N, C-alpha and C. Protein backbone atom coordinates (compact mmCIF):
# COMPACT_ATOMS: atom_id res chain seq x y z
N MET A 1 0.82 -1.19 0.00
CA MET A 1 0.00 0.00 0.00
C MET A 1 0.87 1.26 0.00
N LYS A 2 2.01 1.18 -0.67
CA LYS A 2 2.89 2.34 -0.74
C LYS A 2 2.42 3.25 -1.85
N PRO A 3 2.31 4.56 -1.59
CA PRO A 3 1.87 5.48 -2.64
C PRO A 3 2.95 5.61 -3.71
N GLU A 4 2.49 5.76 -4.94
CA GLU A 4 3.42 5.91 -6.05
C GLU A 4 3.76 7.39 -6.20
N ILE A 5 5.04 7.68 -6.16
CA ILE A 5 5.50 9.06 -6.27
C ILE A 5 6.16 9.23 -7.63
N ASN A 6 5.71 10.21 -8.40
CA ASN A 6 6.30 10.48 -9.70
C ASN A 6 7.55 11.31 -9.48
N ARG A 7 8.71 10.72 -9.71
CA ARG A 7 9.97 11.40 -9.48
C ARG A 7 10.49 12.10 -10.74
N SER A 8 9.75 12.03 -11.82
CA SER A 8 10.20 12.63 -13.07
C SER A 8 10.09 14.15 -13.00
N ILE A 9 11.18 14.81 -13.34
CA ILE A 9 11.17 16.27 -13.36
C ILE A 9 10.38 16.77 -14.56
N PHE A 10 10.15 15.90 -15.52
CA PHE A 10 9.48 16.31 -16.75
C PHE A 10 8.05 15.80 -16.83
N SER A 11 7.34 15.67 -15.72
CA SER A 11 5.94 15.25 -15.80
C SER A 11 5.15 16.36 -16.47
N GLY A 12 4.18 15.97 -17.28
CA GLY A 12 3.43 16.92 -18.08
C GLY A 12 2.76 18.02 -17.28
N ALA A 13 2.13 17.65 -16.18
CA ALA A 13 1.40 18.64 -15.38
C ALA A 13 2.35 19.69 -14.81
N ILE A 14 3.49 19.25 -14.32
CA ILE A 14 4.46 20.18 -13.74
C ILE A 14 5.03 21.10 -14.82
N LEU A 15 5.32 20.54 -15.99
CA LEU A 15 5.86 21.37 -17.08
C LEU A 15 4.85 22.41 -17.55
N ARG A 16 3.59 22.00 -17.71
CA ARG A 16 2.55 22.95 -18.14
C ARG A 16 2.38 24.07 -17.11
N GLN A 17 2.32 23.68 -15.85
CA GLN A 17 2.16 24.66 -14.78
C GLN A 17 3.36 25.62 -14.75
N SER A 18 4.56 25.09 -14.91
CA SER A 18 5.77 25.92 -14.88
C SER A 18 5.84 26.86 -16.08
N LEU A 19 5.46 26.35 -17.25
CA LEU A 19 5.49 27.19 -18.46
C LEU A 19 4.51 28.35 -18.33
N SER A 20 3.32 28.05 -17.82
CA SER A 20 2.32 29.10 -17.61
C SER A 20 2.83 30.14 -16.59
N ALA A 21 3.43 29.64 -15.52
CA ALA A 21 3.94 30.53 -14.47
C ALA A 21 5.11 31.38 -14.97
N SER A 22 5.90 30.85 -15.91
CA SER A 22 7.05 31.62 -16.40
C SER A 22 6.60 32.89 -17.13
N PHE A 23 5.42 32.85 -17.75
CA PHE A 23 4.89 34.06 -18.40
C PHE A 23 4.21 34.98 -17.38
N SER A 24 3.48 34.38 -16.43
CA SER A 24 2.78 35.23 -15.45
C SER A 24 3.77 35.93 -14.51
N LYS A 25 4.95 35.34 -14.32
CA LYS A 25 5.97 35.96 -13.46
C LYS A 25 6.67 37.14 -14.14
N LEU A 26 6.35 37.41 -15.40
CA LEU A 26 6.92 38.58 -16.08
C LEU A 26 6.33 39.88 -15.56
N ASP A 27 5.25 39.79 -14.81
CA ASP A 27 4.62 40.97 -14.21
C ASP A 27 5.64 41.66 -13.30
N PRO A 28 5.89 42.95 -13.50
CA PRO A 28 6.89 43.66 -12.68
C PRO A 28 6.63 43.56 -11.18
N ARG A 29 5.36 43.45 -10.77
CA ARG A 29 5.06 43.32 -9.33
C ARG A 29 5.61 42.00 -8.78
N SER A 30 5.65 40.99 -9.62
CA SER A 30 6.23 39.71 -9.22
C SER A 30 7.75 39.75 -9.37
N MET A 31 8.21 40.36 -10.43
CA MET A 31 9.63 40.39 -10.76
C MET A 31 10.44 41.23 -9.78
N ILE A 32 9.83 42.22 -9.14
CA ILE A 32 10.58 43.11 -8.24
C ILE A 32 11.09 42.35 -7.01
N LYS A 33 10.54 41.18 -6.73
CA LYS A 33 11.00 40.37 -5.60
C LYS A 33 12.41 39.82 -5.84
N ASN A 34 12.81 39.79 -7.12
CA ASN A 34 14.15 39.34 -7.49
C ASN A 34 14.85 40.50 -8.19
N PRO A 35 15.64 41.29 -7.47
CA PRO A 35 16.22 42.52 -8.03
C PRO A 35 17.06 42.30 -9.29
N VAL A 36 17.79 41.20 -9.35
CA VAL A 36 18.63 40.95 -10.53
C VAL A 36 17.77 40.75 -11.76
N MET A 37 16.76 39.90 -11.65
CA MET A 37 15.90 39.64 -12.81
C MET A 37 15.02 40.85 -13.12
N PHE A 38 14.69 41.64 -12.11
CA PHE A 38 13.94 42.87 -12.35
C PHE A 38 14.77 43.83 -13.20
N THR A 39 16.07 43.90 -12.90
CA THR A 39 16.98 44.74 -13.69
C THR A 39 17.06 44.23 -15.13
N VAL A 40 17.13 42.91 -15.30
CA VAL A 40 17.15 42.33 -16.65
C VAL A 40 15.85 42.67 -17.37
N GLU A 41 14.73 42.63 -16.65
CA GLU A 41 13.44 42.97 -17.28
C GLU A 41 13.43 44.43 -17.73
N ILE A 42 13.95 45.33 -16.91
CA ILE A 42 14.02 46.74 -17.30
C ILE A 42 14.92 46.89 -18.53
N GLY A 43 16.05 46.18 -18.54
CA GLY A 43 16.94 46.20 -19.69
C GLY A 43 16.26 45.69 -20.95
N THR A 44 15.41 44.68 -20.80
CA THR A 44 14.68 44.14 -21.95
C THR A 44 13.72 45.17 -22.52
N VAL A 45 13.01 45.86 -21.64
CA VAL A 45 12.06 46.89 -22.08
C VAL A 45 12.80 48.04 -22.77
N VAL A 46 13.93 48.46 -22.18
CA VAL A 46 14.73 49.53 -22.78
C VAL A 46 15.24 49.10 -24.15
N MET A 47 15.75 47.87 -24.25
CA MET A 47 16.26 47.39 -25.54
C MET A 47 15.14 47.24 -26.57
N LEU A 48 13.95 46.88 -26.13
CA LEU A 48 12.82 46.80 -27.06
C LEU A 48 12.51 48.20 -27.62
N ALA A 49 12.54 49.20 -26.74
CA ALA A 49 12.31 50.58 -27.19
C ALA A 49 13.40 51.03 -28.16
N VAL A 50 14.66 50.71 -27.83
CA VAL A 50 15.78 51.07 -28.71
C VAL A 50 15.63 50.37 -30.06
N THR A 51 15.23 49.11 -30.04
CA THR A 51 15.05 48.35 -31.29
C THR A 51 13.97 48.98 -32.15
N LEU A 52 12.85 49.32 -31.54
CA LEU A 52 11.75 49.93 -32.30
C LEU A 52 12.15 51.31 -32.84
N LEU A 53 12.85 52.09 -32.02
CA LEU A 53 13.29 53.42 -32.47
C LEU A 53 14.34 53.32 -33.57
N SER A 54 15.19 52.28 -33.52
CA SER A 54 16.24 52.14 -34.55
C SER A 54 15.66 51.78 -35.91
N LEU A 55 14.39 51.38 -35.94
CA LEU A 55 13.73 51.08 -37.22
C LEU A 55 13.29 52.35 -37.94
N LEU A 56 13.16 53.45 -37.20
CA LEU A 56 12.73 54.72 -37.79
C LEU A 56 13.87 55.34 -38.61
N PRO A 57 13.53 56.03 -39.70
CA PRO A 57 14.57 56.67 -40.51
C PRO A 57 15.28 57.77 -39.73
N GLY A 58 16.59 57.89 -39.96
CA GLY A 58 17.38 58.93 -39.31
C GLY A 58 17.82 58.58 -37.90
N ARG A 59 17.67 57.34 -37.46
CA ARG A 59 18.06 56.94 -36.09
C ARG A 59 19.24 55.96 -36.13
N GLU A 60 20.17 56.16 -37.04
CA GLU A 60 21.31 55.27 -37.19
C GLU A 60 22.20 55.25 -35.95
N ALA A 61 22.18 56.31 -35.16
CA ALA A 61 23.01 56.40 -33.96
C ALA A 61 22.61 55.36 -32.91
N LEU A 62 21.40 54.84 -33.00
CA LEU A 62 20.93 53.83 -32.04
C LEU A 62 21.47 52.44 -32.36
N GLY A 63 22.15 52.29 -33.48
CA GLY A 63 22.74 51.01 -33.84
C GLY A 63 21.89 50.25 -34.83
N ASP A 64 22.42 49.10 -35.20
CA ASP A 64 21.76 48.24 -36.18
C ASP A 64 20.50 47.62 -35.56
N ALA A 65 19.40 47.69 -36.26
CA ALA A 65 18.12 47.17 -35.74
C ALA A 65 18.19 45.67 -35.52
N VAL A 66 18.89 44.93 -36.37
CA VAL A 66 19.00 43.47 -36.22
C VAL A 66 19.78 43.13 -34.95
N TYR A 67 20.88 43.84 -34.72
CA TYR A 67 21.66 43.62 -33.51
C TYR A 67 20.82 43.93 -32.27
N ASN A 68 20.14 45.06 -32.28
CA ASN A 68 19.29 45.45 -31.14
C ASN A 68 18.19 44.42 -30.91
N ALA A 69 17.60 43.91 -31.99
CA ALA A 69 16.54 42.90 -31.86
C ALA A 69 17.11 41.61 -31.27
N ALA A 70 18.33 41.24 -31.67
CA ALA A 70 18.97 40.03 -31.13
C ALA A 70 19.22 40.17 -29.63
N VAL A 71 19.71 41.33 -29.21
CA VAL A 71 19.95 41.57 -27.77
C VAL A 71 18.64 41.53 -27.00
N THR A 72 17.60 42.15 -27.56
CA THR A 72 16.28 42.14 -26.92
C THR A 72 15.77 40.71 -26.77
N LEU A 73 15.90 39.91 -27.82
CA LEU A 73 15.44 38.52 -27.79
C LEU A 73 16.21 37.71 -26.75
N ILE A 74 17.52 37.90 -26.70
CA ILE A 74 18.33 37.16 -25.72
C ILE A 74 17.92 37.54 -24.29
N LEU A 75 17.71 38.81 -24.04
CA LEU A 75 17.28 39.24 -22.70
C LEU A 75 15.91 38.67 -22.36
N PHE A 76 14.99 38.67 -23.32
CA PHE A 76 13.65 38.14 -23.09
C PHE A 76 13.70 36.64 -22.80
N LEU A 77 14.50 35.91 -23.58
CA LEU A 77 14.64 34.47 -23.35
C LEU A 77 15.29 34.18 -22.00
N THR A 78 16.21 35.04 -21.58
CA THR A 78 16.82 34.90 -20.25
C THR A 78 15.76 35.03 -19.16
N LEU A 79 14.89 36.01 -19.31
CA LEU A 79 13.79 36.20 -18.35
C LEU A 79 12.89 34.97 -18.30
N LEU A 80 12.50 34.49 -19.49
CA LEU A 80 11.61 33.33 -19.54
C LEU A 80 12.26 32.10 -18.92
N PHE A 81 13.53 31.86 -19.26
CA PHE A 81 14.21 30.69 -18.73
C PHE A 81 14.34 30.77 -17.21
N ALA A 82 14.72 31.93 -16.69
CA ALA A 82 14.86 32.09 -15.24
C ALA A 82 13.52 31.88 -14.54
N ASN A 83 12.46 32.45 -15.10
CA ASN A 83 11.12 32.26 -14.52
C ASN A 83 10.68 30.81 -14.60
N PHE A 84 10.98 30.15 -15.73
CA PHE A 84 10.61 28.75 -15.90
C PHE A 84 11.35 27.88 -14.88
N ALA A 85 12.65 28.10 -14.71
CA ALA A 85 13.43 27.32 -13.75
C ALA A 85 12.90 27.52 -12.33
N GLU A 86 12.58 28.75 -11.99
CA GLU A 86 12.04 29.04 -10.65
C GLU A 86 10.68 28.37 -10.47
N ALA A 87 9.81 28.48 -11.46
CA ALA A 87 8.47 27.88 -11.38
C ALA A 87 8.56 26.36 -11.33
N LEU A 88 9.50 25.79 -12.07
CA LEU A 88 9.69 24.33 -12.06
C LEU A 88 10.13 23.86 -10.68
N ALA A 89 11.06 24.58 -10.07
CA ALA A 89 11.53 24.22 -8.72
C ALA A 89 10.39 24.33 -7.71
N GLU A 90 9.58 25.38 -7.81
CA GLU A 90 8.45 25.54 -6.90
C GLU A 90 7.43 24.42 -7.09
N ALA A 91 7.13 24.09 -8.34
CA ALA A 91 6.15 23.03 -8.62
C ALA A 91 6.64 21.68 -8.13
N ARG A 92 7.93 21.39 -8.33
CA ARG A 92 8.50 20.12 -7.85
C ARG A 92 8.43 20.06 -6.32
N GLY A 93 8.76 21.17 -5.67
CA GLY A 93 8.70 21.20 -4.20
C GLY A 93 7.30 20.97 -3.68
N LYS A 94 6.32 21.61 -4.32
CA LYS A 94 4.92 21.41 -3.91
C LYS A 94 4.48 19.98 -4.15
N ALA A 95 4.89 19.40 -5.28
CA ALA A 95 4.51 18.02 -5.59
C ALA A 95 5.12 17.06 -4.57
N GLN A 96 6.37 17.29 -4.19
CA GLN A 96 7.00 16.43 -3.19
C GLN A 96 6.35 16.60 -1.82
N ALA A 97 6.00 17.82 -1.46
CA ALA A 97 5.32 18.05 -0.18
C ALA A 97 3.96 17.36 -0.16
N ASN A 98 3.23 17.46 -1.26
CA ASN A 98 1.92 16.79 -1.34
C ASN A 98 2.08 15.27 -1.27
N ALA A 99 3.09 14.73 -1.94
CA ALA A 99 3.33 13.29 -1.90
C ALA A 99 3.68 12.85 -0.48
N LEU A 100 4.48 13.66 0.20
CA LEU A 100 4.85 13.34 1.58
C LEU A 100 3.64 13.40 2.49
N ARG A 101 2.80 14.42 2.30
CA ARG A 101 1.57 14.52 3.09
C ARG A 101 0.69 13.29 2.88
N LYS A 102 0.56 12.88 1.62
CA LYS A 102 -0.25 11.70 1.30
C LYS A 102 0.35 10.45 1.92
N THR A 103 1.69 10.35 1.89
CA THR A 103 2.37 9.20 2.49
C THR A 103 2.07 9.13 3.98
N ARG A 104 2.08 10.28 4.63
CA ARG A 104 1.88 10.29 6.08
C ARG A 104 0.46 9.91 6.46
N THR A 105 -0.52 10.11 5.60
CA THR A 105 -1.89 9.74 5.95
C THR A 105 -2.24 8.34 5.49
N ASP A 106 -1.64 7.88 4.39
CA ASP A 106 -1.97 6.56 3.84
C ASP A 106 -1.07 5.44 4.36
N THR A 107 -0.05 5.77 5.11
CA THR A 107 0.90 4.77 5.58
C THR A 107 0.25 3.85 6.60
N PRO A 108 0.44 2.53 6.43
CA PRO A 108 -0.08 1.61 7.44
C PRO A 108 0.78 1.68 8.71
N ALA A 109 0.14 1.53 9.84
CA ALA A 109 0.84 1.57 11.12
C ALA A 109 0.52 0.30 11.90
N LYS A 110 1.51 -0.19 12.64
CA LYS A 110 1.32 -1.36 13.50
C LYS A 110 1.23 -0.86 14.94
N ARG A 111 -0.01 -0.53 15.35
CA ARG A 111 -0.21 0.01 16.69
C ARG A 111 -0.11 -1.12 17.70
N LEU A 112 0.62 -0.87 18.77
CA LEU A 112 0.79 -1.84 19.84
C LEU A 112 -0.26 -1.56 20.91
N MET A 113 -1.14 -2.52 21.12
CA MET A 113 -2.22 -2.36 22.09
C MET A 113 -1.70 -2.64 23.51
N ALA A 114 -2.49 -2.30 24.51
CA ALA A 114 -2.10 -2.49 25.91
C ALA A 114 -1.85 -3.96 26.23
N ASP A 115 -2.57 -4.87 25.55
CA ASP A 115 -2.40 -6.30 25.81
C ASP A 115 -1.31 -6.92 24.91
N GLU A 116 -0.42 -6.06 24.36
CA GLU A 116 0.71 -6.46 23.52
C GLU A 116 0.30 -7.01 22.15
N ARG A 117 -0.96 -6.89 21.79
CA ARG A 117 -1.40 -7.33 20.47
C ARG A 117 -1.15 -6.19 19.49
N ILE A 118 -0.87 -6.57 18.23
CA ILE A 118 -0.57 -5.58 17.18
C ILE A 118 -1.79 -5.40 16.30
N GLU A 119 -2.18 -4.14 16.11
CA GLU A 119 -3.34 -3.81 15.28
C GLU A 119 -2.87 -2.98 14.09
N GLU A 120 -3.18 -3.43 12.87
CA GLU A 120 -2.82 -2.68 11.65
C GLU A 120 -3.88 -1.61 11.39
N ILE A 121 -3.45 -0.35 11.35
CA ILE A 121 -4.36 0.77 11.12
C ILE A 121 -3.69 1.76 10.16
N ASN A 122 -4.44 2.76 9.70
CA ASN A 122 -3.84 3.85 8.93
C ASN A 122 -3.15 4.81 9.88
N ALA A 123 -2.12 5.46 9.40
CA ALA A 123 -1.36 6.40 10.23
C ALA A 123 -2.24 7.52 10.77
N SER A 124 -3.26 7.90 10.02
CA SER A 124 -4.13 8.99 10.46
C SER A 124 -4.92 8.62 11.72
N ALA A 125 -5.01 7.32 12.03
CA ALA A 125 -5.75 6.89 13.23
C ALA A 125 -4.88 6.91 14.48
N LEU A 126 -3.58 7.10 14.33
CA LEU A 126 -2.70 7.16 15.50
C LEU A 126 -2.94 8.45 16.28
N ARG A 127 -2.89 8.35 17.59
CA ARG A 127 -3.08 9.50 18.47
C ARG A 127 -1.84 9.68 19.35
N LYS A 128 -1.74 10.84 19.95
CA LYS A 128 -0.62 11.14 20.83
C LYS A 128 -0.54 10.08 21.93
N ASN A 129 0.69 9.64 22.22
CA ASN A 129 1.02 8.62 23.23
C ASN A 129 0.70 7.19 22.80
N ASP A 130 0.18 6.97 21.59
CA ASP A 130 0.03 5.60 21.07
C ASP A 130 1.43 5.03 20.83
N LEU A 131 1.55 3.72 20.98
CA LEU A 131 2.80 3.03 20.66
C LEU A 131 2.62 2.30 19.34
N PHE A 132 3.64 2.34 18.49
CA PHE A 132 3.60 1.56 17.25
C PHE A 132 4.97 0.92 17.02
N LEU A 133 4.96 -0.14 16.22
CA LEU A 133 6.19 -0.84 15.87
C LEU A 133 6.58 -0.49 14.45
N ALA A 134 7.87 -0.39 14.21
CA ALA A 134 8.38 -0.17 12.85
C ALA A 134 9.63 -1.02 12.69
N GLY A 135 9.65 -1.80 11.61
CA GLY A 135 10.79 -2.67 11.34
C GLY A 135 11.41 -2.35 9.99
N GLU A 136 12.37 -3.16 9.62
CA GLU A 136 13.11 -2.96 8.37
C GLU A 136 12.17 -2.83 7.18
N GLY A 137 12.33 -1.75 6.41
CA GLY A 137 11.52 -1.52 5.22
C GLY A 137 10.23 -0.76 5.47
N ASP A 138 9.87 -0.55 6.73
CA ASP A 138 8.63 0.16 7.06
C ASP A 138 8.81 1.67 6.94
N ILE A 139 7.72 2.33 6.56
CA ILE A 139 7.68 3.79 6.61
C ILE A 139 7.17 4.17 7.99
N ILE A 140 7.85 5.09 8.65
CA ILE A 140 7.43 5.52 9.98
C ILE A 140 6.16 6.36 9.81
N PRO A 141 5.05 5.94 10.43
CA PRO A 141 3.76 6.58 10.17
C PRO A 141 3.52 7.92 10.85
N ALA A 142 4.27 8.24 11.90
CA ALA A 142 4.02 9.49 12.63
C ALA A 142 5.29 9.91 13.37
N ASP A 143 5.36 11.18 13.72
CA ASP A 143 6.48 11.68 14.52
C ASP A 143 6.40 11.04 15.90
N GLY A 144 7.55 10.76 16.48
CA GLY A 144 7.53 10.17 17.80
C GLY A 144 8.92 10.03 18.39
N GLU A 145 8.94 9.40 19.57
CA GLU A 145 10.20 9.12 20.26
C GLU A 145 10.31 7.63 20.46
N ILE A 146 11.50 7.10 20.21
CA ILE A 146 11.72 5.66 20.34
C ILE A 146 11.67 5.28 21.81
N ALA A 147 10.79 4.34 22.13
CA ALA A 147 10.67 3.84 23.50
C ALA A 147 11.57 2.63 23.71
N GLU A 148 11.82 1.91 22.63
CA GLU A 148 12.61 0.69 22.72
C GLU A 148 13.20 0.36 21.35
N GLY A 149 14.48 -0.03 21.33
CA GLY A 149 15.10 -0.49 20.09
C GLY A 149 16.09 0.49 19.48
N LEU A 150 16.67 0.05 18.37
CA LEU A 150 17.68 0.80 17.63
C LEU A 150 17.41 0.60 16.15
N ALA A 151 17.54 1.66 15.35
CA ALA A 151 17.28 1.53 13.91
C ALA A 151 18.13 2.51 13.11
N SER A 152 18.41 2.09 11.88
CA SER A 152 19.03 2.97 10.89
C SER A 152 17.89 3.51 10.05
N ILE A 153 17.80 4.84 9.93
CA ILE A 153 16.63 5.46 9.29
C ILE A 153 17.07 6.38 8.16
N ASP A 154 16.36 6.27 7.04
CA ASP A 154 16.59 7.13 5.87
C ASP A 154 15.67 8.34 6.01
N GLU A 155 16.27 9.50 6.30
CA GLU A 155 15.49 10.74 6.46
C GLU A 155 15.62 11.65 5.24
N SER A 156 16.11 11.11 4.12
CA SER A 156 16.38 11.95 2.94
C SER A 156 15.12 12.62 2.39
N ALA A 157 13.96 11.99 2.54
CA ALA A 157 12.72 12.60 2.04
C ALA A 157 12.39 13.88 2.80
N ILE A 158 12.85 13.98 4.04
CA ILE A 158 12.55 15.15 4.88
C ILE A 158 13.72 16.14 4.88
N THR A 159 14.91 15.64 5.15
CA THR A 159 16.06 16.52 5.35
C THR A 159 16.91 16.72 4.10
N GLY A 160 16.81 15.80 3.15
CA GLY A 160 17.65 15.88 1.96
C GLY A 160 19.01 15.23 2.16
N GLU A 161 19.33 14.84 3.38
CA GLU A 161 20.60 14.19 3.69
C GLU A 161 20.54 12.74 3.22
N SER A 162 21.48 12.33 2.39
CA SER A 162 21.43 10.99 1.80
C SER A 162 21.93 9.90 2.76
N ALA A 163 22.76 10.26 3.71
CA ALA A 163 23.30 9.26 4.64
C ALA A 163 22.24 8.90 5.68
N PRO A 164 22.07 7.59 5.95
CA PRO A 164 21.10 7.20 6.98
C PRO A 164 21.58 7.63 8.37
N VAL A 165 20.63 7.79 9.28
CA VAL A 165 20.96 8.18 10.65
C VAL A 165 20.55 7.05 11.59
N PHE A 166 21.24 6.94 12.71
CA PHE A 166 20.90 5.94 13.70
C PHE A 166 20.08 6.59 14.79
N ARG A 167 19.04 5.93 15.17
CA ARG A 167 18.16 6.41 16.24
C ARG A 167 18.05 5.29 17.27
N GLU A 168 18.09 5.68 18.55
CA GLU A 168 18.08 4.69 19.62
C GLU A 168 17.31 5.21 20.82
N ALA A 169 16.65 4.31 21.52
CA ALA A 169 15.90 4.68 22.72
C ALA A 169 16.85 5.17 23.81
N GLU A 170 16.33 6.02 24.67
CA GLU A 170 17.03 6.53 25.84
C GLU A 170 18.34 7.25 25.51
N THR A 171 18.37 7.93 24.37
CA THR A 171 19.51 8.77 24.02
C THR A 171 18.96 10.12 23.54
N ASP A 172 19.85 11.04 23.25
CA ASP A 172 19.39 12.33 22.73
C ASP A 172 19.01 12.23 21.26
N ARG A 173 19.22 11.08 20.64
CA ARG A 173 18.87 10.86 19.23
C ARG A 173 17.73 9.84 19.14
N ASN A 174 16.68 10.05 19.94
CA ASN A 174 15.58 9.09 19.96
C ASN A 174 14.34 9.54 19.19
N SER A 175 14.41 10.70 18.55
CA SER A 175 13.25 11.22 17.81
C SER A 175 13.22 10.66 16.39
N VAL A 176 12.02 10.33 15.92
CA VAL A 176 11.84 9.89 14.54
C VAL A 176 10.78 10.78 13.88
N ILE A 177 10.86 10.87 12.56
CA ILE A 177 9.97 11.74 11.80
C ILE A 177 9.07 10.89 10.92
N GLY A 178 7.78 11.19 10.95
CA GLY A 178 6.83 10.49 10.10
C GLY A 178 7.17 10.67 8.64
N GLY A 179 7.05 9.59 7.86
CA GLY A 179 7.35 9.65 6.43
C GLY A 179 8.75 9.18 6.10
N THR A 180 9.59 8.95 7.12
CA THR A 180 10.93 8.43 6.88
C THR A 180 10.88 6.91 6.87
N LYS A 181 11.96 6.28 6.43
CA LYS A 181 11.96 4.82 6.24
C LYS A 181 13.00 4.14 7.12
N VAL A 182 12.60 3.03 7.75
CA VAL A 182 13.51 2.24 8.56
C VAL A 182 14.31 1.34 7.61
N LEU A 183 15.63 1.50 7.62
CA LEU A 183 16.48 0.70 6.75
C LEU A 183 16.91 -0.60 7.42
N ALA A 184 17.16 -0.54 8.72
CA ALA A 184 17.57 -1.73 9.46
C ALA A 184 17.18 -1.54 10.92
N GLY A 185 16.87 -2.65 11.57
CA GLY A 185 16.51 -2.60 12.97
C GLY A 185 15.00 -2.65 13.18
N ARG A 186 14.63 -2.65 14.46
CA ARG A 186 13.21 -2.69 14.84
C ARG A 186 13.04 -1.77 16.04
N ILE A 187 12.03 -0.91 15.97
CA ILE A 187 11.82 0.04 17.06
C ILE A 187 10.36 0.08 17.50
N LYS A 188 10.20 0.41 18.77
CA LYS A 188 8.87 0.68 19.33
C LYS A 188 8.85 2.19 19.58
N VAL A 189 7.85 2.87 19.02
CA VAL A 189 7.83 4.34 19.05
C VAL A 189 6.55 4.84 19.71
N MET A 190 6.70 5.90 20.54
CA MET A 190 5.54 6.57 21.12
C MET A 190 5.26 7.83 20.31
N VAL A 191 4.03 7.98 19.86
CA VAL A 191 3.63 9.12 19.04
C VAL A 191 3.69 10.39 19.88
N THR A 192 4.30 11.45 19.33
CA THR A 192 4.40 12.71 20.06
C THR A 192 3.50 13.80 19.49
N SER A 193 2.97 13.60 18.30
CA SER A 193 2.10 14.65 17.73
C SER A 193 0.96 14.05 16.94
């Protein structure tokens, strides 16, 4: 019951959304948040005016119209590419956050009952102070503190750090984060949130 996450940077929906955003971000009110690109945008507008004026008779001092048009085009494409790259990064980040949110609600949890019996439930049914078990290959269903055991945990989905971390009960490194994966070991965790 693991959710499928599309890891492709070139998914159609993300590309369409980013392409649309790259044009809407040309608005100076949006562009002013990035001073460097705002300056490039002003330069593009100035070069467009110079290009149009250089087409008029008697304006040879403004330079060759073809050269001016080429500079204007390059500046405009720079703006579009920068906006597209920014929009693509934002869309990917939102998609990953949504996938992580979905993982945290759809993840199965092995809740440990008071009589030591294990009950399989959805992570969304876990409450504060519930105990659950997580073993090798399991996704940790909720944030918590390890009550018993030791595990190597992949936190790259949350922190971006590729190296696994070790978590152990009764140490200062006993906290686990929902949505991370147990690589080795078995732990009993008390839900903290």
